[in-house]
């Protein structure tokens, strides 16, 4: 089991560390500019990190190889979520919008998902990969249907800003959303 940590102040600012919990050993460390969010790939072989300057960086944990997406395309991401199979990345941030990227950190041909009025604090894919929940400092949670050509949302008000789908949620074919 692995755990990723980051520091955003002091002498270790921007330091990302990946730990093996069973042994307590440091597996990999690298530095970025002010890390905002971390997410492991579903297979645990890579870690994605968003930086304050708008970049999203993937670190391959075995080799240490790193690749970054275009900051213009990703925005300043405060929250990241990978789909269950790792083929899509959702990034949400200060501009209250959600960008969807493919596995190579390139934008998908979908519009930016808009609807929140304050910065995004959390994103979560349902286990079927079709739904995405977003939480915001506007104290709302929105549910996005990513299969439709037009994003449909449920708006849950005054519920907080850290939604998470339960394991195996949304697996039924008849998942319905209210507009």
Foldseek 3Di string as FASTA:
>chain_A
DKDWDADCDDPRHQKIWIADVVVRDTQDIDGDAHWQEWDAALVRQWIWTFHQQQKIKIARSVPRDIDIADSVQRPRFNEWDAANNRQWIWGWFAVQWIFIAGNNRHGDPADIDHDDDGTWHYWEAANVNQWIWTFGPQQWIWIFGNVDNDTDIDIDHNNHHYDYYDHPPPVDPPDDDDD
